[in-house]
Protein backbone atom coordinates (compact mmCIF):
# COMPACT_ATOMS: atom_id res chain seq x y z
CA MET A 1 25.64 12.50 40.86
CA ASN A 2 25.10 16.36 39.74
CA THR A 3 20.80 17.13 40.67
CA PHE A 4 19.72 18.78 37.93
CA SER A 5 16.49 21.02 38.69
CA ILE A 6 15.82 20.06 34.62
CA PRO A 7 14.04 16.60 33.51
CA LYS A 8 16.83 13.39 33.45
CA ARG A 9 16.08 13.48 29.18
CA ARG A 10 16.74 17.16 29.11
CA THR A 11 19.60 17.27 30.86
CA LEU A 12 21.73 13.89 29.31
CA GLN A 13 21.02 16.05 25.77
CA ALA A 14 22.64 18.68 27.21
CA LEU A 15 25.64 17.37 28.50
CA LEU A 16 25.64 15.40 25.85
CA SER A 17 25.14 18.88 22.79
CA PHE A 18 28.07 20.16 24.33
CA THR A 19 30.50 17.01 23.95
CA LEU A 20 29.64 16.71 20.49
CA LEU A 21 29.64 21.07 19.92
CA ALA A 22 33.06 20.90 21.39
CA ALA A 23 34.67 18.17 19.34
CA GLY A 24 33.11 19.86 16.25
CA VAL A 25 30.47 17.53 15.57
CA LEU A 26 27.35 18.39 16.34
CA PRO A 27 26.06 21.81 14.45
CA GLN A 28 25.70 25.08 16.02
CA ALA A 29 22.43 25.46 15.73
CA GLN A 30 21.59 22.04 16.62
CA ALA A 31 23.51 22.38 19.63
CA ALA A 32 21.56 25.86 20.62
CA ASP A 33 18.59 24.03 20.38
CA ALA A 34 19.44 20.60 22.41
CA GLY A 35 21.24 22.28 24.99
CA ALA A 36 19.03 25.56 25.89
CA TRP A 37 21.84 27.59 27.03
CA ALA A 38 22.46 30.81 26.31
CA PRO A 39 25.93 32.21 27.08
CA SER A 40 24.34 35.96 28.44
CA TRP A 41 28.32 37.25 29.65
CA THR A 42 31.53 36.35 29.74
CA ALA A 43 35.05 37.37 30.91
CA SER A 44 37.98 35.47 29.64
CA PRO A 45 40.19 34.10 31.74
CA GLN A 46 43.74 35.55 31.87
CA PRO A 47 47.22 34.67 34.21
CA ILE A 48 48.78 36.97 36.48
CA TRP A 49 51.58 38.82 35.52
CA SER A 50 55.09 39.29 37.23
CA SER A 51 55.53 42.41 38.96
CA ASP A 52 57.95 44.16 37.23
CA PHE A 53 55.79 44.52 33.78
CA VAL A 54 54.78 48.35 33.03
CA LEU A 55 51.11 48.09 33.82
CA PRO A 56 50.76 47.19 38.22
CA LEU A 57 47.98 43.99 38.54
CA GLY A 58 46.71 46.21 41.00
CA LEU A 59 45.17 42.65 42.89
CA PRO A 60 46.00 40.89 46.62
CA ALA A 61 48.18 37.95 46.15
CA THR A 62 45.93 35.68 48.23
CA LEU A 63 42.12 35.73 49.25
CA ARG A 64 41.36 33.73 52.76
CA ASP A 65 37.79 33.31 54.30
CA GLN A 66 36.03 36.01 52.29
CA THR A 67 34.16 36.98 49.93
CA VAL A 68 33.71 38.23 46.62
CA ARG A 69 30.58 40.43 45.17
CA GLN A 70 31.07 40.74 40.98
CA THR A 71 28.35 42.35 39.05
CA VAL A 72 27.07 41.51 35.63
CA ARG A 73 25.22 42.76 32.70
CA THR A 74 23.14 40.05 30.43
CA SER A 75 22.54 40.22 27.30
CA VAL A 76 20.16 37.44 26.98
CA GLY A 77 17.77 36.19 29.29
CA GLY A 78 15.83 33.12 30.49
CA SER A 79 13.75 31.40 33.38
CA ARG A 80 17.25 30.08 34.73
CA VAL A 81 20.63 31.00 35.66
CA ARG A 82 24.25 29.20 36.25
CA ILE A 83 27.69 29.86 36.22
CA VAL A 84 30.80 28.85 34.82
CA LEU A 85 34.22 28.69 37.53
CA SER A 86 37.58 28.95 35.50
CA ASN A 87 40.49 27.50 37.42
CA GLU A 88 42.34 27.75 34.36
CA TYR A 89 45.76 29.21 35.28
CA GLY A 90 46.09 27.76 39.18
CA ALA A 91 48.77 25.30 39.58
CA GLN A 92 46.61 23.58 42.60
CA PRO A 93 42.45 22.54 43.13
CA LEU A 94 40.66 25.54 44.33
CA GLN A 95 38.00 25.41 46.85
CA LEU A 96 34.94 27.53 46.87
CA GLY A 97 32.98 27.31 50.12
CA ALA A 98 29.57 28.85 48.74
CA ALA A 99 27.92 30.79 46.38
CA HIS A 100 24.80 33.03 45.64
CA ILE A 101 23.58 34.60 42.18
CA ALA A 102 21.14 37.33 42.85
CA PRO A 103 19.21 40.24 40.88
CA ALA A 104 21.44 42.73 41.42
CA GLY A 105 20.78 44.71 45.54
CA GLY A 106 17.91 42.26 45.92
CA ALA A 107 17.19 38.77 47.16
CA GLY A 108 18.36 35.79 45.37
CA LYS A 109 19.32 31.87 45.09
CA ALA A 110 22.44 30.06 46.89
CA LEU A 111 24.23 28.04 44.05
CA THR A 112 25.28 24.53 44.49
CA PHE A 113 27.82 22.10 41.96
CA GLY A 114 26.13 18.62 41.91
CA GLY A 115 24.28 19.26 44.04
CA GLN A 116 26.48 20.64 47.03
CA PRO A 117 27.34 23.78 48.12
CA SER A 118 30.67 24.00 48.17
CA VAL A 119 33.10 22.09 45.34
CA THR A 120 36.46 21.67 44.29
CA VAL A 121 37.79 23.22 40.58
CA PRO A 122 41.07 21.00 40.03
CA ALA A 123 43.72 22.48 38.94
CA SER A 124 43.80 23.65 35.28
CA ALA A 125 40.10 23.28 35.21
CA VAL A 126 36.39 24.96 35.08
CA VAL A 127 33.13 24.04 36.65
CA MET A 128 29.39 24.81 36.03
CA SER A 129 27.05 25.10 38.43
CA ASP A 130 23.95 23.44 38.32
CA PRO A 131 20.60 26.07 37.20
CA VAL A 132 18.75 27.56 39.63
CA GLU A 133 15.55 28.91 39.09
CA MET A 134 15.36 32.27 38.33
CA PRO A 135 13.88 34.86 35.80
CA VAL A 136 16.75 37.40 34.33
CA ALA A 137 15.86 39.86 31.80
CA PRO A 138 17.98 40.38 29.42
CA LEU A 139 20.49 43.27 29.92
CA SER A 140 19.93 43.33 33.60
CA GLN A 141 22.48 42.72 36.58
CA LEU A 142 23.16 40.17 38.37
CA SER A 143 25.44 39.87 41.14
CA VAL A 144 27.69 36.45 42.18
CA SER A 145 28.89 36.49 45.09
CA LEU A 146 31.91 33.82 45.23
CA TYR A 147 33.01 32.48 49.47
CA PHE A 148 36.97 31.06 49.81
CA PRO A 149 37.55 29.36 52.86
CA GLN A 150 40.61 29.26 52.00
CA VAL A 151 44.55 30.17 51.34
CA THR A 152 43.50 30.94 47.37
CA PRO A 153 46.06 32.34 45.30
CA LEU A 154 44.96 34.98 42.28
CA THR A 155 45.74 32.83 39.18
CA THR A 156 42.80 33.30 37.23
CA ILE A 157 41.62 36.57 36.47
CA HIS A 158 40.12 38.92 33.57
CA TRP A 159 41.96 41.82 34.60
CA ASP A 160 40.16 45.16 33.17
CA GLY A 161 37.06 44.13 34.56
CA LEU A 162 35.52 47.69 34.45
CA GLN A 163 33.01 47.01 37.08
CA PRO A 164 34.28 47.31 40.93
CA ALA A 165 33.94 43.94 42.91
CA GLN A 166 33.83 43.75 46.27
CA ILE A 167 36.10 41.99 49.00
CA ALA A 168 34.62 41.28 52.22
CA ALA A 169 35.42 39.35 55.22
CA GLY A 170 34.22 35.87 56.32
CA ASN A 171 31.40 34.10 54.26
CA ALA A 172 29.06 37.00 53.27
CA VAL A 173 27.15 35.39 50.51
CA ASN A 174 23.68 35.55 51.54
CA THR A 175 24.08 39.25 52.54
CA ASN A 176 22.14 41.99 50.90
CA ALA A 177 24.53 44.72 51.92
CA LEU A 178 28.04 44.05 51.35
CA LYS A 179 30.13 45.57 53.83
CA ALA A 180 33.17 45.73 51.62
CA ASP A 181 36.68 45.43 53.15
CA ALA A 182 38.52 46.02 49.23
CA VAL A 183 37.29 46.97 46.62
CA VAL A 184 39.67 45.28 43.04
CA ASN A 185 38.47 46.50 39.10
CA SER A 186 39.13 42.62 38.26
CA ARG A 187 36.83 39.09 37.46
CA LEU A 188 38.15 36.37 39.74
CA PHE A 189 37.71 33.35 38.78
CA LEU A 190 33.85 34.55 37.46
CA SER A 191 34.14 33.67 33.57
CA ALA A 192 30.48 33.20 32.47
CA VAL A 193 27.07 33.29 33.45
CA LEU A 194 24.82 31.35 31.33
CA VAL A 195 20.81 31.49 30.97
CA ASP A 196 18.16 29.21 29.92
CA ALA A 197 17.05 30.88 26.45
CA ALA A 198 14.66 30.01 24.21
CA PRO A 199 15.34 27.97 21.77
CA GLY A 200 17.10 29.08 18.59
CA THR A 201 18.72 31.80 20.71
CA ARG A 202 21.90 32.39 18.55
CA THR A 203 25.75 33.64 20.06
CA VAL A 204 27.76 36.70 18.70
CA VAL A 205 31.21 37.24 19.77
CA ALA A 206 33.51 39.93 20.19
CA PHE A 207 36.37 38.70 19.77
CA GLY A 208 39.23 41.32 20.50
CA ASP A 209 42.03 43.06 22.76
CA SER A 210 41.51 46.29 24.78
CA ILE A 211 39.25 48.60 23.09
CA THR A 212 36.59 45.39 22.72
CA ASP A 213 37.46 45.36 26.52
CA GLY A 214 35.76 48.94 27.07
CA ALA A 215 39.00 50.11 27.99
CA ALA A 216 38.87 53.43 28.79
CA SER A 217 34.87 54.01 28.55
CA THR A 218 33.16 54.75 32.21
CA PRO A 219 33.38 51.88 35.01
CA GLY A 220 30.17 50.42 36.15
CA ALA A 221 28.38 51.57 33.25
CA ASP A 222 28.57 49.01 30.31
CA GLN A 223 29.42 50.81 27.61
CA ARG A 224 31.83 49.18 25.59
CA TRP A 225 30.75 48.74 22.89
CA PRO A 226 30.18 45.43 22.37
CA ASP A 227 27.81 46.71 25.13
CA PHE A 228 25.95 48.98 22.60
CA LEU A 229 25.60 45.95 20.56
CA ALA A 230 23.65 44.09 22.73
CA ARG A 231 21.39 46.77 23.62
CA ARG A 232 20.80 46.37 19.34
CA LEU A 233 19.67 43.15 19.50
CA ALA A 234 18.37 43.11 22.14
CA GLY A 235 14.91 40.91 22.47
CA GLN A 236 15.63 39.31 19.33
CA LYS A 237 17.25 36.03 20.94
CA VAL A 238 20.91 36.80 19.97
CA ALA A 239 23.42 36.74 23.52
CA VAL A 240 26.61 39.49 22.49
CA ILE A 241 29.46 38.83 24.14
CA ASN A 242 33.18 40.18 25.42
CA ALA A 243 35.56 38.04 24.21
CA GLY A 244 38.16 40.60 24.58
CA ILE A 245 41.48 40.83 26.83
CA SER A 246 43.22 44.27 27.55
CA GLY A 247 46.65 43.76 26.07
CA GLY A 248 45.89 40.65 23.64
CA ARG A 249 47.23 39.95 20.40
CA VAL A 250 46.75 37.64 17.76
CA LEU A 251 50.52 36.19 17.72
CA LYS A 252 51.89 36.34 21.05
CA ASN A 253 50.96 35.87 24.55
CA HIS A 254 51.59 38.09 27.55
CA MET A 255 48.58 39.41 29.15
CA GLY A 256 46.56 36.65 28.26
CA PRO A 257 47.06 33.98 25.39
CA ASN A 258 47.81 35.01 21.94
CA ALA A 259 44.33 34.88 19.49
CA LEU A 260 45.02 31.14 17.90
CA ALA A 261 45.86 30.26 21.36
CA ARG A 262 41.99 30.69 22.52
CA PHE A 263 39.93 31.18 19.73
CA ASP A 264 38.52 27.43 20.55
CA ARG A 265 37.87 28.22 24.23
CA ASP A 266 36.91 31.79 23.47
CA VAL A 267 34.74 31.46 20.50
CA LEU A 268 34.40 28.50 19.18
CA GLY A 269 33.42 27.03 22.39
CA GLN A 270 30.35 28.92 23.13
CA PRO A 271 27.47 27.51 22.89
CA GLY A 272 24.92 28.61 20.31
CA ILE A 273 27.98 30.62 18.28
CA ALA A 274 26.96 31.92 14.91
CA SER A 275 28.83 35.44 14.48
CA VAL A 276 32.19 36.38 15.74
CA VAL A 277 33.02 39.88 15.02
CA LEU A 278 37.53 40.30 15.01
CA LEU A 279 38.84 44.12 16.15
CA MET A 280 42.14 42.76 16.65
CA GLY A 281 46.43 43.67 15.45
CA ILE A 282 47.05 46.96 17.06
CA ASN A 283 49.14 45.31 20.10
CA ASP A 284 50.97 43.58 17.12
CA ILE A 285 51.98 46.42 15.85
CA SER A 286 52.81 48.34 17.89
CA TRP A 287 54.24 46.23 21.22
CA PRO A 288 57.54 45.28 19.09
CA GLY A 289 59.91 48.95 20.27
CA SER A 290 57.43 50.65 22.63
CA THR A 291 58.11 50.01 26.23
CA PHE A 292 55.82 47.00 26.60
CA GLY A 293 58.28 45.06 23.73
CA PRO A 294 61.28 46.93 23.91
CA GLY A 295 63.28 44.09 22.27
CA GLU A 296 60.30 42.51 19.80
CA PRO A 297 61.43 42.30 16.42
CA ALA A 298 58.85 44.57 14.60
CA THR A 299 55.79 42.89 13.28
CA GLN A 300 55.82 41.98 9.54
CA ALA A 301 51.74 42.83 7.86
CA ASP A 302 51.96 39.36 6.50
CA ALA A 303 52.27 36.99 9.62
CA LEU A 304 49.27 39.17 11.17
CA ILE A 305 47.47 38.19 7.86
CA ALA A 306 48.76 34.84 7.94
CA GLY A 307 47.02 34.68 11.49
CA TYR A 308 43.68 36.27 10.32
CA ARG A 309 43.82 33.20 8.10
CA GLN A 310 43.92 31.13 10.48
CA LEU A 311 41.02 31.83 12.45
CA ILE A 312 39.41 32.74 8.83
CA ALA A 313 40.05 29.35 8.23
CA ARG A 314 39.24 27.16 11.93
CA ALA A 315 35.31 29.80 12.13
CA HIS A 316 34.46 28.68 8.34
CA ALA A 317 36.04 24.77 9.84
CA ARG A 318 32.76 25.02 11.93
CA GLY A 319 30.00 27.18 10.43
CA VAL A 320 30.75 29.79 12.10
CA ARG A 321 30.59 33.08 10.42
CA ILE A 322 33.40 35.38 10.89
CA VAL A 323 33.03 39.55 10.08
CA GLY A 324 36.44 41.81 10.14
CA ALA A 325 36.65 44.44 11.85
CA THR A 326 39.60 46.97 10.60
CA LEU A 327 42.06 49.09 13.10
CA THR A 328 41.46 51.79 14.25
CA PRO A 329 43.69 55.32 14.46
CA PHE A 330 46.66 55.44 16.54
CA GLU A 331 48.95 58.23 16.21
CA GLY A 332 49.76 60.06 19.56
CA ALA A 333 48.10 56.70 21.55
CA LEU A 334 49.63 57.28 25.26
CA THR A 335 51.50 59.85 25.18
CA MET A 336 49.32 61.29 28.48
CA PRO A 337 51.71 63.16 30.02
CA GLY A 338 52.66 60.99 32.83
CA SER A 339 52.06 57.95 30.49
CA PRO A 340 54.84 54.67 31.18
CA ILE A 341 54.36 53.95 27.90
CA ALA A 342 56.74 55.41 25.04
CA ASN A 343 57.22 54.68 21.60
CA TYR A 344 53.70 52.72 21.23
CA HIS A 345 53.19 54.30 17.65
CA SER A 346 55.23 55.45 14.71
CA PRO A 347 54.93 56.18 11.13
CA ALA A 348 56.50 52.51 10.26
CA LYS A 349 53.76 51.07 12.66
CA ASP A 350 50.49 52.75 10.84
CA ALA A 351 51.64 52.11 7.99
CA VAL A 352 51.48 48.14 9.03
CA ARG A 353 48.03 48.94 10.05
CA GLN A 354 47.60 50.38 6.62
CA ARG A 355 48.00 47.73 4.93
CA ILE A 356 46.25 45.47 7.37
CA ASN A 357 42.95 47.20 6.99
CA ALA A 358 43.17 47.48 3.27
CA TRP A 359 43.30 43.57 2.79
CA ILE A 360 41.03 43.23 5.47
CA ARG A 361 38.84 46.10 3.11
CA SER A 362 39.53 44.36 -0.29
CA SER A 363 40.86 40.79 0.34
CA GLY A 364 37.41 38.62 0.62
CA GLU A 365 37.97 36.47 3.13
CA PHE A 366 35.99 37.43 5.56
CA ASP A 367 32.06 36.63 5.84
CA ALA A 368 31.43 40.41 5.75
CA VAL A 369 34.00 43.96 6.95
CA VAL A 370 32.81 46.13 9.59
CA ASP A 371 34.95 50.09 8.70
CA PHE A 372 35.48 50.71 12.61
CA ASP A 373 38.16 52.99 11.41
CA ALA A 374 36.22 54.45 8.69
CA VAL A 375 33.58 55.69 11.44
CA VAL A 376 36.38 57.50 13.86
CA GLN A 377 38.51 58.51 12.19
CA ASP A 378 39.08 62.69 12.21
CA PRO A 379 38.19 63.54 9.01
CA GLN A 380 40.88 67.02 9.82
CA ASN A 381 43.93 63.71 10.29
CA PRO A 382 42.41 60.49 9.46
CA LEU A 383 45.80 58.75 11.38
CA ARG A 384 44.10 59.90 14.65
CA ILE A 385 40.80 59.90 16.73
CA LEU A 386 37.66 62.11 16.08
CA PRO A 387 37.86 64.02 19.42
CA ALA A 388 34.43 63.65 20.22
CA TYR A 389 35.28 59.51 20.12
CA ASP A 390 38.44 59.77 21.95
CA SER A 391 38.74 58.49 25.10
CA GLY A 392 41.51 60.75 25.72
CA ASP A 393 44.49 58.39 25.66
CA HIS A 394 44.47 58.05 21.24
CA LEU A 395 44.59 54.45 21.15
CA HIS A 396 40.87 53.68 23.41
CA LEU A 397 37.44 54.64 22.58
CA GLY A 398 35.52 56.41 24.78
CA ASP A 399 31.89 56.03 25.24
CA ALA A 400 30.39 57.82 22.29
CA GLY A 401 33.56 56.58 20.25
CA ASN A 402 32.31 52.70 21.59
CA LYS A 403 28.33 53.71 20.70
CA ALA A 404 29.17 54.99 17.19
CA VAL A 405 30.97 51.54 15.94
CA ALA A 406 28.46 49.47 17.19
CA GLU A 407 25.67 51.20 15.04
CA SER A 408 27.87 50.93 12.29
CA ILE A 409 27.18 47.23 12.25
CA ASP A 410 24.93 45.80 9.90
CA LEU A 411 23.10 44.16 11.78
CA LYS A 412 21.64 41.31 9.15
CA SER A 413 25.27 40.64 7.51
CA LEU A 414 26.18 40.54 11.13
CA LEU A 415 23.94 37.07 11.31
CA SER A 416 23.88 36.77 7.66
CA GLU A 417 19.96 37.37 7.37
CA ARG A 418 19.79 38.70 3.64
């Protein structure tokens, strides 16, 4: 039996709310108030890929008798905290020997699972830790340490973590100053941090690809556009979580499941979900015929629009507001010296992007529109990102560009408060 450090009645309410929410029975606002758990940070799980893919994983194949310490930046705060571990892409049970959470660089507390310090996560499953009393401030950093005593294949990751994960020998979860033997830039098995937030806290999900994931923003600095949006909403009882996956597409899998496949997991299943901002489609348009998908047929605008309509319908069926973001310019993308990627952009591909953007702006099918394309395009050449906003690869936004698009979002429209 799980030994939660909250009254039994409230525990049962929380579990019932989560079950009914997943089934689509309980209204979102009621679920948030009954459970009071809000996602303060997330990283969407991805499977690993084969070594012949153009982008190397850069990860060890396995862990054994090692501790992994991962730092996260919270969105909303609370009085208690818990984590979620994912073995979604594991073919065998995941053995966790110990877990610990602490303010970054400070003393923290051991995490338990049903009152036990260790846990076995079944293949394809997730587990949630017991709550621990720990005041968590909005926009603060937490360190989560996980000890893996047995041979543990790295199967469930979030590849583009943009935050170093330290790997050390032995069980070092309680060590303040970890002596790392290796550092990787990915999230390993850790998929969420939840806090016991104030009743009525709402969740906004940024649902996208590498532009949302923050690729090419400053590593370790929390400069993704959802990070800037979280800063704008700090103190307003709104959690902003990032469900971007680098390489993500609306219609097809590879560096992660397609948007239609992961929409329930990463968006609709989030506690207190109120709104989602959708910025995805550029990889659907650009991968075919490129190094990523040399044999793929071109993606037609109508097929991509049909995918958007499915996401809109599913959001509306759950009472969730969905905001469409226009696709940003990408002329010259990934053509830097030494780049392994060819044929990512073409005039024909950009024509599809332009048609998609015209539909997003004019169809009226989204609840609101944020025109990221207009915000970041170069007035002298609208097919390119403004140099001040360009990370340098002509596809991803730099820190200034991420800040600009986050600041362009009308918060009242995002949250339907007009």
